[in-house]
């Protein structure tokens, strides 16, 4: 039994011994007409662990290096190392992947909004010139505008001001996928990685601008220097730091992004005035 998810133009095909009751966030991304780019078999037999120590561990995930690629152990229910209850994503010799999940856990796990993170989507997207930016985004007059920053800074709130004040269309509430195109421009995609916002539209638009958000008693906007723009963007992307090739590609993508688009910083208070100020600058590319 299989299904294909179309995420940012890439087909993630899942083969499973039982039907997968996916989380509602994923339903808009089901696309059986999409040719698979990434093939993942969901298996119930326990994995054979590498003998070496992990190259990365953060308490919730351990990463091992193998001759085929990066072996990921997700310690969701158990804190113990190499426990048979831990789901594992394993690269196979034919270029596909297997997700090893205990049979009793699979129905519950597939219905969680975190399920796709077990498939390392950031790595598969990065291999194809795409990055995941922690941002809310909208579409206005055919172009996408992304508002990035740390958690609880007000990204989705600011995006909602664009929709109510400027009649912009929502794109995504928490994670925007940006594709670096051959002509140097970027496309923005909605994604199912939408956090608590619930905004996960299967749409895309040419990127029109980006803005780092902050909070303040008064509204003000400034152009970031290239160095600061790089630091702020890098901090809000998902990168596998143990993978030097992926890290290098991300740096190239962010450099291209900064060279193509001015990156602004908006400090604002709640209300439509901040959205109007931001829209005026991002759409014109000029500070007042």
Foldseek 3Di string as FASTA:
>chain_A
DWWWFQFPNATEIEAEPDDAPAAPLRVLRTDPVRDHPAYEYEAADFDDDDPDAFPDDDQQWGWHQDPQGIKIWGQDPHSDPSDSQTWIWAQDPVRYIYIHHHPVCRRVLRRDLCNCVRVVVQVVQLVQQKWKFFWWWWADPQAIETEHDDPPQQRQLLVVLCCVVVVTGTFAATIWMWHQDPVLWIKIHFASNRPPPSRGHGDIGTHQAYEYEHEDPAKDKDWDDLVVQLVRRVVRIDFDVSDPVSVVSVSVSSNSVVVVHTYMYIHHHRDNVNSVQVCVCSNVVDHD
